[in-house]
Structures are given as C-alpha cells and as structure tokens.
Amino acid sequence: SFPSELLKNSQRKIALEDYIARAFKSA
C-alpha cells in the first residue's frame, strides 16, 4: 500500500527503497 505519490519518479523510488532497507535494519 505505498501511495503512488511516493513512486511517481525514479528518484522517489530509489529513496523509498532505501528507506525500506533502513527500516528492515532497524527492525
């Protein structure tokens, strides 16, 4: 359920992927 606004271009996609990886590491 990631909002399309967070995926609307390649820059946002790379940043969101990075955030998810950091969230997994934090977990």
mmCIF file of all heavy atoms, coordinates in Angstrom:
data_MODEL
# 
_entry.id   MODEL 
# 
loop_
_atom_site.group_PDB 
_atom_site.id 
_atom_site.type_symbol 
_atom_site.label_atom_id 
_atom_site.label_alt_id 
_atom_site.label_comp_id 
_atom_site.label_asym_id 
_atom_site.label_entity_id 
_atom_site.label_seq_id 
_atom_site.pdbx_PDB_ins_code 
_atom_site.Cartn_x 
_atom_site.Cartn_y 
_atom_site.Cartn_z 
_atom_site.occupancy 
_atom_site.B_iso_or_equiv 
_atom_site.pdbx_formal_charge 
_atom_site.auth_seq_id 
_atom_site.auth_comp_id 
_atom_site.auth_asym_id 
_atom_site.auth_atom_id 
_atom_site.pdbx_PDB_model_num 
ATOM 1   N N   . SER A 1 1  ? 0.803  -1.238 0.000   1.00 0.00 ? 1  SER A N   1 
ATOM 2   C CA  . SER A 1 1  ? 0.000  0.000  0.000   1.00 0.00 ? 1  SER A CA  1 
ATOM 3   C C   . SER A 1 1  ? 0.827  1.276  0.000   1.00 0.00 ? 1  SER A C   1 
ATOM 4   O O   . SER A 1 1  ? 0.484  2.248  0.693   1.00 0.00 ? 1  SER A O   1 
ATOM 5   C CB  . SER A 1 1  ? -0.959 0.014  1.205   1.00 0.00 ? 1  SER A CB  1 
ATOM 6   O OG  . SER A 1 1  ? -1.862 -1.059 1.126   1.00 0.00 ? 1  SER A OG  1 
ATOM 7   N N   . PHE A 1 2  ? 1.927  1.290  -0.748  1.00 0.00 ? 2  PHE A N   1 
ATOM 8   C CA  . PHE A 1 2  ? 2.690  2.525  -0.856  1.00 0.00 ? 2  PHE A CA  1 
ATOM 9   C C   . PHE A 1 2  ? 1.965  3.481  -1.794  1.00 0.00 ? 2  PHE A C   1 
ATOM 10  O O   . PHE A 1 2  ? 1.625  3.116  -2.917  1.00 0.00 ? 2  PHE A O   1 
ATOM 11  C CB  . PHE A 1 2  ? 4.105  2.250  -1.359  1.00 0.00 ? 2  PHE A CB  1 
ATOM 12  C CG  . PHE A 1 2  ? 4.947  1.503  -0.372  1.00 0.00 ? 2  PHE A CG  1 
ATOM 13  C CD1 . PHE A 1 2  ? 5.308  0.187  -0.603  1.00 0.00 ? 2  PHE A CD1 1 
ATOM 14  C CD2 . PHE A 1 2  ? 5.355  2.118  0.806   1.00 0.00 ? 2  PHE A CD2 1 
ATOM 15  C CE1 . PHE A 1 2  ? 6.070  -0.509 0.311   1.00 0.00 ? 2  PHE A CE1 1 
ATOM 16  C CE2 . PHE A 1 2  ? 6.121  1.427  1.729   1.00 0.00 ? 2  PHE A CE2 1 
ATOM 17  C CZ  . PHE A 1 2  ? 6.477  0.114  1.491   1.00 0.00 ? 2  PHE A CZ  1 
ATOM 18  N N   . PRO A 1 3  ? 1.718  4.703  -1.366  1.00 0.00 ? 3  PRO A N   1 
ATOM 19  C CA  . PRO A 1 3  ? 0.999  5.656  -2.209  1.00 0.00 ? 3  PRO A CA  1 
ATOM 20  C C   . PRO A 1 3  ? 1.747  5.912  -3.515  1.00 0.00 ? 3  PRO A C   1 
ATOM 21  O O   . PRO A 1 3  ? 2.986  5.965  -3.539  1.00 0.00 ? 3  PRO A O   1 
ATOM 22  C CB  . PRO A 1 3  ? 0.951  6.928  -1.351  1.00 0.00 ? 3  PRO A CB  1 
ATOM 23  C CG  . PRO A 1 3  ? 1.189  6.466  0.050   1.00 0.00 ? 3  PRO A CG  1 
ATOM 24  C CD  . PRO A 1 3  ? 2.073  5.271  -0.050  1.00 0.00 ? 3  PRO A CD  1 
ATOM 25  N N   . SER A 1 4  ? 1.005  6.084  -4.581  1.00 0.00 ? 4  SER A N   1 
ATOM 26  C CA  . SER A 1 4  ? 1.616  6.337  -5.882  1.00 0.00 ? 4  SER A CA  1 
ATOM 27  C C   . SER A 1 4  ? 2.461  7.593  -5.859  1.00 0.00 ? 4  SER A C   1 
ATOM 28  O O   . SER A 1 4  ? 3.432  7.727  -6.620  1.00 0.00 ? 4  SER A O   1 
ATOM 29  C CB  . SER A 1 4  ? 0.533  6.452  -6.963  1.00 0.00 ? 4  SER A CB  1 
ATOM 30  O OG  . SER A 1 4  ? -0.384 7.481  -6.642  1.00 0.00 ? 4  SER A OG  1 
ATOM 31  N N   . GLU A 1 5  ? 2.145  8.527  -4.968  1.00 0.00 ? 5  GLU A N   1 
ATOM 32  C CA  . GLU A 1 5  ? 2.909  9.769  -4.850  1.00 0.00 ? 5  GLU A CA  1 
ATOM 33  C C   . GLU A 1 5  ? 4.361  9.502  -4.474  1.00 0.00 ? 5  GLU A C   1 
ATOM 34  O O   . GLU A 1 5  ? 5.264  10.247 -4.853  1.00 0.00 ? 5  GLU A O   1 
ATOM 35  C CB  . GLU A 1 5  ? 2.247  10.673 -3.805  1.00 0.00 ? 5  GLU A CB  1 
ATOM 36  C CG  . GLU A 1 5  ? 2.809  12.073 -3.711  1.00 0.00 ? 5  GLU A CG  1 
ATOM 37  C CD  . GLU A 1 5  ? 2.495  12.938 -4.935  1.00 0.00 ? 5  GLU A CD  1 
ATOM 38  O OE1 . GLU A 1 5  ? 1.628  12.529 -5.743  1.00 0.00 ? 5  GLU A OE1 1 
ATOM 39  O OE2 . GLU A 1 5  ? 3.117  14.000 -5.074  1.00 0.00 ? 5  GLU A OE2 1 
ATOM 40  N N   . LEU A 1 6  ? 4.590  8.410  -3.726  1.00 0.00 ? 6  LEU A N   1 
ATOM 41  C CA  . LEU A 1 6  ? 5.957  8.063  -3.321  1.00 0.00 ? 6  LEU A CA  1 
ATOM 42  C C   . LEU A 1 6  ? 6.710  7.316  -4.407  1.00 0.00 ? 6  LEU A C   1 
ATOM 43  O O   . LEU A 1 6  ? 7.904  7.045  -4.254  1.00 0.00 ? 6  LEU A O   1 
ATOM 44  C CB  . LEU A 1 6  ? 5.926  7.212  -2.044  1.00 0.00 ? 6  LEU A CB  1 
ATOM 45  C CG  . LEU A 1 6  ? 5.382  7.867  -0.776  1.00 0.00 ? 6  LEU A CG  1 
ATOM 46  C CD1 . LEU A 1 6  ? 5.429  6.896  0.394   1.00 0.00 ? 6  LEU A CD1 1 
ATOM 47  C CD2 . LEU A 1 6  ? 6.161  9.139  -0.443  1.00 0.00 ? 6  LEU A CD2 1 
ATOM 48  N N   . LEU A 1 7  ? 6.036  6.991  -5.495  1.00 0.00 ? 7  LEU A N   1 
ATOM 49  C CA  . LEU A 1 7  ? 6.650  6.194  -6.557  1.00 0.00 ? 7  LEU A CA  1 
ATOM 50  C C   . LEU A 1 7  ? 6.557  6.877  -7.920  1.00 0.00 ? 7  LEU A C   1 
ATOM 51  O O   . LEU A 1 7  ? 6.758  6.241  -8.947  1.00 0.00 ? 7  LEU A O   1 
ATOM 52  C CB  . LEU A 1 7  ? 5.970  4.820  -6.641  1.00 0.00 ? 7  LEU A CB  1 
ATOM 53  C CG  . LEU A 1 7  ? 6.152  3.904  -5.438  1.00 0.00 ? 7  LEU A CG  1 
ATOM 54  C CD1 . LEU A 1 7  ? 5.104  2.789  -5.456  1.00 0.00 ? 7  LEU A CD1 1 
ATOM 55  C CD2 . LEU A 1 7  ? 7.552  3.298  -5.447  1.00 0.00 ? 7  LEU A CD2 1 
ATOM 56  N N   . LYS A 1 8  ? 6.298  8.176  -7.930  1.00 0.00 ? 8  LYS A N   1 
ATOM 57  C CA  . LYS A 1 8  ? 5.945  8.820  -9.190  1.00 0.00 ? 8  LYS A CA  1 
ATOM 58  C C   . LYS A 1 8  ? 7.138  9.081  -10.108 1.00 0.00 ? 8  LYS A C   1 
ATOM 59  O O   . LYS A 1 8  ? 6.954  9.413  -11.271 1.00 0.00 ? 8  LYS A O   1 
ATOM 60  C CB  . LYS A 1 8  ? 5.199  10.129 -8.931  1.00 0.00 ? 8  LYS A CB  1 
ATOM 61  C CG  . LYS A 1 8  ? 6.027  11.242 -8.320  1.00 0.00 ? 8  LYS A CG  1 
ATOM 62  C CD  . LYS A 1 8  ? 5.170  12.492 -8.140  1.00 0.00 ? 8  LYS A CD  1 
ATOM 63  C CE  . LYS A 1 8  ? 5.978  13.669 -7.607  1.00 0.00 ? 8  LYS A CE  1 
ATOM 64  N NZ  . LYS A 1 8  ? 5.119  14.863 -7.432  1.00 0.00 ? 8  LYS A NZ  1 
ATOM 65  N N   . ASN A 1 9  ? 8.364  8.952  -9.602  1.00 0.00 ? 9  ASN A N   1 
ATOM 66  C CA  . ASN A 1 9  ? 9.538  9.082  -10.475 1.00 0.00 ? 9  ASN A CA  1 
ATOM 67  C C   . ASN A 1 9  ? 10.662 8.207  -9.923  1.00 0.00 ? 9  ASN A C   1 
ATOM 68  O O   . ASN A 1 9  ? 10.562 7.656  -8.826  1.00 0.00 ? 9  ASN A O   1 
ATOM 69  C CB  . ASN A 1 9  ? 9.981  10.542 -10.608 1.00 0.00 ? 9  ASN A CB  1 
ATOM 70  C CG  . ASN A 1 9  ? 10.258 11.208 -9.260  1.00 0.00 ? 9  ASN A CG  1 
ATOM 71  O OD1 . ASN A 1 9  ? 10.865 10.609 -8.370  1.00 0.00 ? 9  ASN A OD1 1 
ATOM 72  N ND2 . ASN A 1 9  ? 9.811  12.453 -9.101  1.00 0.00 ? 9  ASN A ND2 1 
ATOM 73  N N   . SER A 1 10 ? 11.730 8.088  -10.696 1.00 0.00 ? 10 SER A N   1 
ATOM 74  C CA  . SER A 1 10 ? 12.818 7.178  -10.313 1.00 0.00 ? 10 SER A CA  1 
ATOM 75  C C   . SER A 1 10 ? 13.520 7.654  -9.046  1.00 0.00 ? 10 SER A C   1 
ATOM 76  O O   . SER A 1 10 ? 13.980 6.825  -8.236  1.00 0.00 ? 10 SER A O   1 
ATOM 77  C CB  . SER A 1 10 ? 13.829 7.062  -11.458 1.00 0.00 ? 10 SER A CB  1 
ATOM 78  O OG  . SER A 1 10 ? 14.391 8.326  -11.776 1.00 0.00 ? 10 SER A OG  1 
ATOM 79  N N   . GLN A 1 11 ? 13.621 8.985  -8.849  1.00 0.00 ? 11 GLN A N   1 
ATOM 80  C CA  . GLN A 1 11 ? 14.277 9.488  -7.645  1.00 0.00 ? 11 GLN A CA  1 
ATOM 81  C C   . GLN A 1 11 ? 13.514 9.069  -6.392  1.00 0.00 ? 11 GLN A C   1 
ATOM 82  O O   . GLN A 1 11 ? 14.112 8.594  -5.410  1.00 0.00 ? 11 GLN A O   1 
ATOM 83  C CB  . GLN A 1 11 ? 14.379 11.023 -7.691  1.00 0.00 ? 11 GLN A CB  1 
ATOM 84  C CG  . GLN A 1 11 ? 15.351 11.551 -8.726  1.00 0.00 ? 11 GLN A CG  1 
ATOM 85  C CD  . GLN A 1 11 ? 14.726 11.735 -10.085 1.00 0.00 ? 11 GLN A CD  1 
ATOM 86  O OE1 . GLN A 1 11 ? 13.555 11.414 -10.294 1.00 0.00 ? 11 GLN A OE1 1 
ATOM 87  N NE2 . GLN A 1 11 ? 15.500 12.250 -11.032 1.00 0.00 ? 11 GLN A NE2 1 
ATOM 88  N N   . ARG A 1 12 ? 12.211 9.224  -6.414  1.00 0.00 ? 12 ARG A N   1 
ATOM 89  C CA  . ARG A 1 12 ? 11.407 8.855  -5.245  1.00 0.00 ? 12 ARG A CA  1 
ATOM 90  C C   . ARG A 1 12 ? 11.453 7.346  -5.004  1.00 0.00 ? 12 ARG A C   1 
ATOM 91  O O   . ARG A 1 12 ? 11.476 6.895  -3.858  1.00 0.00 ? 12 ARG A O   1 
ATOM 92  C CB  . ARG A 1 12 ? 9.975  9.346  -5.426  1.00 0.00 ? 12 ARG A CB  1 
ATOM 93  C CG  . ARG A 1 12 ? 9.848  10.867 -5.317  1.00 0.00 ? 12 ARG A CG  1 
ATOM 94  C CD  . ARG A 1 12 ? 8.409  11.326 -5.286  1.00 0.00 ? 12 ARG A CD  1 
ATOM 95  N NE  . ARG A 1 12 ? 8.336  12.726 -4.855  1.00 0.00 ? 12 ARG A NE  1 
ATOM 96  C CZ  . ARG A 1 12 ? 7.352  13.232 -4.134  1.00 0.00 ? 12 ARG A CZ  1 
ATOM 97  N NH1 . ARG A 1 12 ? 6.341  12.481 -3.757  1.00 0.00 ? 12 ARG A NH1 1 
ATOM 98  N NH2 . ARG A 1 12 ? 7.364  14.508 -3.781  1.00 0.00 ? 12 ARG A NH2 1 
ATOM 99  N N   . LYS A 1 13 ? 11.460 6.590  -6.080  1.00 0.00 ? 13 LYS A N   1 
ATOM 100 C CA  . LYS A 1 13 ? 11.505 5.133  -5.942  1.00 0.00 ? 13 LYS A CA  1 
ATOM 101 C C   . LYS A 1 13 ? 12.803 4.689  -5.259  1.00 0.00 ? 13 LYS A C   1 
ATOM 102 O O   . LYS A 1 13 ? 12.784 3.859  -4.337  1.00 0.00 ? 13 LYS A O   1 
ATOM 103 C CB  . LYS A 1 13 ? 11.375 4.485  -7.318  1.00 0.00 ? 13 LYS A CB  1 
ATOM 104 C CG  . LYS A 1 13 ? 11.523 2.975  -7.341  1.00 0.00 ? 13 LYS A CG  1 
ATOM 105 C CD  . LYS A 1 13 ? 11.279 2.452  -8.744  1.00 0.00 ? 13 LYS A CD  1 
ATOM 106 C CE  . LYS A 1 13 ? 11.632 0.983  -8.879  1.00 0.00 ? 13 LYS A CE  1 
ATOM 107 N NZ  . LYS A 1 13 ? 13.103 0.756  -8.806  1.00 0.00 ? 13 LYS A NZ  1 
ATOM 108 N N   . ILE A 1 14 ? 13.941 5.236  -5.703  1.00 0.00 ? 14 ILE A N   1 
ATOM 109 C CA  . ILE A 1 14 ? 15.221 4.886  -5.083  1.00 0.00 ? 14 ILE A CA  1 
ATOM 110 C C   . ILE A 1 14 ? 15.223 5.260  -3.606  1.00 0.00 ? 14 ILE A C   1 
ATOM 111 O O   . ILE A 1 14 ? 15.664 4.484  -2.747  1.00 0.00 ? 14 ILE A O   1 
ATOM 112 C CB  . ILE A 1 14 ? 16.383 5.582  -5.816  1.00 0.00 ? 14 ILE A CB  1 
ATOM 113 C CG1 . ILE A 1 14 ? 16.568 4.977  -7.211  1.00 0.00 ? 14 ILE A CG1 1 
ATOM 114 C CG2 . ILE A 1 14 ? 17.679 5.474  -5.014  1.00 0.00 ? 14 ILE A CG2 1 
ATOM 115 C CD1 . ILE A 1 14 ? 17.524 5.767  -8.097  1.00 0.00 ? 14 ILE A CD1 1 
ATOM 116 N N   . ALA A 1 15 ? 14.706 6.447  -3.293  1.00 0.00 ? 15 ALA A N   1 
ATOM 117 C CA  . ALA A 1 15 ? 14.685 6.895  -1.901  1.00 0.00 ? 15 ALA A CA  1 
ATOM 118 C C   . ALA A 1 15 ? 13.771 6.031  -1.041  1.00 0.00 ? 15 ALA A C   1 
ATOM 119 O O   . ALA A 1 15 ? 14.098 5.706  0.109   1.00 0.00 ? 15 ALA A O   1 
ATOM 120 C CB  . ALA A 1 15 ? 14.246 8.360  -1.835  1.00 0.00 ? 15 ALA A CB  1 
ATOM 121 N N   . LEU A 1 16 ? 12.621 5.636  -1.581  1.00 0.00 ? 16 LEU A N   1 
ATOM 122 C CA  . LEU A 1 16 ? 11.705 4.784  -0.819  1.00 0.00 ? 16 LEU A CA  1 
ATOM 123 C C   . LEU A 1 16 ? 12.308 3.407  -0.593  1.00 0.00 ? 16 LEU A C   1 
ATOM 124 O O   . LEU A 1 16 ? 12.196 2.838  0.507   1.00 0.00 ? 16 LEU A O   1 
ATOM 125 C CB  . LEU A 1 16 ? 10.363 4.668  -1.552  1.00 0.00 ? 16 LEU A CB  1 
ATOM 126 C CG  . LEU A 1 16 ? 9.297  3.798  -0.884  1.00 0.00 ? 16 LEU A CG  1 
ATOM 127 C CD1 . LEU A 1 16 ? 9.024  4.247  0.541   1.00 0.00 ? 16 LEU A CD1 1 
ATOM 128 C CD2 . LEU A 1 16 ? 8.011  3.793  -1.716  1.00 0.00 ? 16 LEU A CD2 1 
ATOM 129 N N   . GLU A 1 17 ? 12.960 2.856  -1.606  1.00 0.00 ? 17 GLU A N   1 
ATOM 130 C CA  . GLU A 1 17 ? 13.641 1.571  -1.429  1.00 0.00 ? 17 GLU A CA  1 
ATOM 131 C C   . GLU A 1 17 ? 14.694 1.666  -0.339  1.00 0.00 ? 17 GLU A C   1 
ATOM 132 O O   . GLU A 1 17 ? 14.836 0.754  0.491   1.00 0.00 ? 17 GLU A O   1 
ATOM 133 C CB  . GLU A 1 17 ? 14.278 1.146  -2.761  1.00 0.00 ? 17 GLU A CB  1 
ATOM 134 C CG  . GLU A 1 17 ? 13.266 0.734  -3.820  1.00 0.00 ? 17 GLU A CG  1 
ATOM 135 C CD  . GLU A 1 17 ? 13.876 0.528  -5.186  1.00 0.00 ? 17 GLU A CD  1 
ATOM 136 O OE1 . GLU A 1 17 ? 15.032 0.971  -5.415  1.00 0.00 ? 17 GLU A OE1 1 
ATOM 137 O OE2 . GLU A 1 17 ? 13.203 -0.074 -6.053  1.00 0.00 ? 17 GLU A OE2 1 
ATOM 138 N N   . ASP A 1 18 ? 15.428 2.767  -0.331  1.00 0.00 ? 18 ASP A N   1 
ATOM 139 C CA  . ASP A 1 18 ? 16.443 2.971  0.702   1.00 0.00 ? 18 ASP A CA  1 
ATOM 140 C C   . ASP A 1 18 ? 15.805 3.042  2.090   1.00 0.00 ? 18 ASP A C   1 
ATOM 141 O O   . ASP A 1 18 ? 16.320 2.460  3.050   1.00 0.00 ? 18 ASP A O   1 
ATOM 142 C CB  . ASP A 1 18 ? 17.212 4.263  0.402   1.00 0.00 ? 18 ASP A CB  1 
ATOM 143 C CG  . ASP A 1 18 ? 18.268 4.568  1.435   1.00 0.00 ? 18 ASP A CG  1 
ATOM 144 O OD1 . ASP A 1 18 ? 19.371 4.004  1.334   1.00 0.00 ? 18 ASP A OD1 1 
ATOM 145 O OD2 . ASP A 1 18 ? 17.992 5.361  2.367   1.00 0.00 ? 18 ASP A OD2 1 
ATOM 146 N N   . TYR A 1 19 ? 14.685 3.728  2.196   1.00 0.00 ? 19 TYR A N   1 
ATOM 147 C CA  . TYR A 1 19 ? 14.002 3.853  3.488   1.00 0.00 ? 19 TYR A CA  1 
ATOM 148 C C   . TYR A 1 19 ? 13.555 2.481  3.994   1.00 0.00 ? 19 TYR A C   1 
ATOM 149 O O   . TYR A 1 19 ? 13.695 2.160  5.185   1.00 0.00 ? 19 TYR A O   1 
ATOM 150 C CB  . TYR A 1 19 ? 12.794 4.778  3.359   1.00 0.00 ? 19 TYR A CB  1 
ATOM 151 C CG  . TYR A 1 19 ? 12.129 5.092  4.685   1.00 0.00 ? 19 TYR A CG  1 
ATOM 152 C CD1 . TYR A 1 19 ? 12.522 6.198  5.424   1.00 0.00 ? 19 TYR A CD1 1 
ATOM 153 C CD2 . TYR A 1 19 ? 11.128 4.265  5.198   1.00 0.00 ? 19 TYR A CD2 1 
ATOM 154 C CE1 . TYR A 1 19 ? 11.924 6.488  6.650   1.00 0.00 ? 19 TYR A CE1 1 
ATOM 155 C CE2 . TYR A 1 19 ? 10.536 4.544  6.424   1.00 0.00 ? 19 TYR A CE2 1 
ATOM 156 C CZ  . TYR A 1 19 ? 10.943 5.659  7.142   1.00 0.00 ? 19 TYR A CZ  1 
ATOM 157 O OH  . TYR A 1 19 ? 10.360 5.932  8.364   1.00 0.00 ? 19 TYR A OH  1 
ATOM 158 N N   . ILE A 1 20 ? 13.033 1.652  3.101   1.00 0.00 ? 20 ILE A N   1 
ATOM 159 C CA  . ILE A 1 20 ? 12.572 0.311  3.483   1.00 0.00 ? 20 ILE A CA  1 
ATOM 160 C C   . ILE A 1 20 ? 13.738 -0.528 3.982   1.00 0.00 ? 20 ILE A C   1 
ATOM 161 O O   . ILE A 1 20 ? 13.627 -1.239 4.997   1.00 0.00 ? 20 ILE A O   1 
ATOM 162 C CB  . ILE A 1 20 ? 11.867 -0.360 2.290   1.00 0.00 ? 20 ILE A CB  1 
ATOM 163 C CG1 . ILE A 1 20 ? 10.562 0.374  1.960   1.00 0.00 ? 20 ILE A CG1 1 
ATOM 164 C CG2 . ILE A 1 20 ? 11.595 -1.844 2.567   1.00 0.00 ? 20 ILE A CG2 1 
ATOM 165 C CD1 . ILE A 1 20 ? 9.948  -0.016 0.631   1.00 0.00 ? 20 ILE A CD1 1 
ATOM 166 N N   . ALA A 1 21 ? 14.886 -0.453 3.298   1.00 0.00 ? 21 ALA A N   1 
ATOM 167 C CA  . ALA A 1 21 ? 16.059 -1.211 3.743   1.00 0.00 ? 21 ALA A CA  1 
ATOM 168 C C   . ALA A 1 21 ? 16.500 -0.765 5.140   1.00 0.00 ? 21 ALA A C   1 
ATOM 169 O O   . ALA A 1 21 ? 16.840 -1.597 5.989   1.00 0.00 ? 21 ALA A O   1 
ATOM 170 C CB  . ALA A 1 21 ? 17.202 -1.038 2.743   1.00 0.00 ? 21 ALA A CB  1 
ATOM 171 N N   . ARG A 1 22 ? 16.476 0.514  5.385   1.00 0.00 ? 22 ARG A N   1 
ATOM 172 C CA  . ARG A 1 22 ? 16.867 1.029  6.701   1.00 0.00 ? 22 ARG A CA  1 
ATOM 173 C C   . ARG A 1 22 ? 15.848 0.621  7.772   1.00 0.00 ? 22 ARG A C   1 
ATOM 174 O O   . ARG A 1 22 ? 16.225 0.345  8.925   1.00 0.00 ? 22 ARG A O   1 
ATOM 175 C CB  . ARG A 1 22 ? 17.027 2.550  6.650   1.00 0.00 ? 22 ARG A CB  1 
ATOM 176 C CG  . ARG A 1 22 ? 18.188 3.005  5.773   1.00 0.00 ? 22 ARG A CG  1 
ATOM 177 C CD  . ARG A 1 22 ? 18.229 4.519  5.604   1.00 0.00 ? 22 ARG A CD  1 
ATOM 178 N NE  . ARG A 1 22 ? 19.175 4.894  4.565   1.00 0.00 ? 22 ARG A NE  1 
ATOM 179 C CZ  . ARG A 1 22 ? 20.472 5.084  4.750   1.00 0.00 ? 22 ARG A CZ  1 
ATOM 180 N NH1 . ARG A 1 22 ? 20.984 4.950  5.980   1.00 0.00 ? 22 ARG A NH1 1 
ATOM 181 N NH2 . ARG A 1 22 ? 21.263 5.417  3.752   1.00 0.00 ? 22 ARG A NH2 1 
ATOM 182 N N   . ALA A 1 23 ? 14.569 0.573  7.388   1.00 0.00 ? 23 ALA A N   1 
ATOM 183 C CA  . ALA A 1 23 ? 13.542 0.138  8.331   1.00 0.00 ? 23 ALA A CA  1 
ATOM 184 C C   . ALA A 1 23 ? 13.734 -1.332 8.701   1.00 0.00 ? 23 ALA A C   1 
ATOM 185 O O   . ALA A 1 23 ? 13.554 -1.725 9.872   1.00 0.00 ? 23 ALA A O   1 
ATOM 186 C CB  . ALA A 1 23 ? 12.156 0.353  7.730   1.00 0.00 ? 23 ALA A CB  1 
ATOM 187 N N   . PHE A 1 24 ? 14.087 -2.155 7.722   1.00 0.00 ? 24 PHE A N   1 
ATOM 188 C CA  . PHE A 1 24 ? 14.348 -3.576 7.992   1.00 0.00 ? 24 PHE A CA  1 
ATOM 189 C C   . PHE A 1 24 ? 15.558 -3.723 8.915   1.00 0.00 ? 24 PHE A C   1 
ATOM 190 O O   . PHE A 1 24 ? 15.547 -4.533 9.852   1.00 0.00 ? 24 PHE A O   1 
ATOM 191 C CB  . PHE A 1 24 ? 14.572 -4.313 6.673   1.00 0.00 ? 24 PHE A CB  1 
ATOM 192 C CG  . PHE A 1 24 ? 14.560 -5.812 6.789   1.00 0.00 ? 24 PHE A CG  1 
ATOM 193 C CD1 . PHE A 1 24 ? 13.363 -6.516 6.757   1.00 0.00 ? 24 PHE A CD1 1 
ATOM 194 C CD2 . PHE A 1 24 ? 15.735 -6.529 6.909   1.00 0.00 ? 24 PHE A CD2 1 
ATOM 195 C CE1 . PHE A 1 24 ? 13.353 -7.910 6.854   1.00 0.00 ? 24 PHE A CE1 1 
ATOM 196 C CE2 . PHE A 1 24 ? 15.742 -7.912 7.008   1.00 0.00 ? 24 PHE A CE2 1 
ATOM 197 C CZ  . PHE A 1 24 ? 14.532 -8.606 6.977   1.00 0.00 ? 24 PHE A CZ  1 
ATOM 198 N N   . LYS A 1 25 ? 16.613 -2.937 8.657   1.00 0.00 ? 25 LYS A N   1 
ATOM 199 C CA  . LYS A 1 25 ? 17.803 -2.985 9.511   1.00 0.00 ? 25 LYS A CA  1 
ATOM 200 C C   . LYS A 1 25 ? 17.454 -2.534 10.937  1.00 0.00 ? 25 LYS A C   1 
ATOM 201 O O   . LYS A 1 25 ? 17.913 -3.142 11.923  1.00 0.00 ? 25 LYS A O   1 
ATOM 202 C CB  . LYS A 1 25 ? 18.887 -2.065 8.934   1.00 0.00 ? 25 LYS A CB  1 
ATOM 203 C CG  . LYS A 1 25 ? 20.131 -1.918 9.805   1.00 0.00 ? 25 LYS A CG  1 
ATOM 204 C CD  . LYS A 1 25 ? 20.831 -3.251 10.019  1.00 0.00 ? 25 LYS A CD  1 
ATOM 205 C CE  . LYS A 1 25 ? 22.212 -3.079 10.618  1.00 0.00 ? 25 LYS A CE  1 
ATOM 206 N NZ  . LYS A 1 25 ? 22.227 -2.413 11.937  1.00 0.00 ? 25 LYS A NZ  1 
ATOM 207 N N   . SER A 1 26 ? 16.642 -1.504 11.065  1.00 0.00 ? 26 SER A N   1 
ATOM 208 C CA  . SER A 1 26 ? 16.230 -1.043 12.387  1.00 0.00 ? 26 SER A CA  1 
ATOM 209 C C   . SER A 1 26 ? 15.437 -2.126 13.114  1.00 0.00 ? 26 SER A C   1 
ATOM 210 O O   . SER A 1 26 ? 15.615 -2.333 14.330  1.00 0.00 ? 26 SER A O   1 
ATOM 211 C CB  . SER A 1 26 ? 15.392 0.229  12.251  1.00 0.00 ? 26 SER A CB  1 
ATOM 212 O OG  . SER A 1 26 ? 14.956 0.690  13.509  1.00 0.00 ? 26 SER A OG  1 
ATOM 213 N N   . ALA A 1 27 ? 14.590 -2.835 12.373  1.00 0.00 ? 27 ALA A N   1 
ATOM 214 C CA  . ALA A 1 27 ? 13.821 -3.926 12.971  1.00 0.00 ? 27 ALA A CA  1 
ATOM 215 C C   . ALA A 1 27 ? 14.733 -5.065 13.414  1.00 0.00 ? 27 ALA A C   1 
ATOM 216 O O   . ALA A 1 27 ? 14.509 -5.687 14.463  1.00 0.00 ? 27 ALA A O   1 
ATOM 217 C CB  . ALA A 1 27 ? 12.771 -4.423 11.976  1.00 0.00 ? 27 ALA A CB  1 
# 
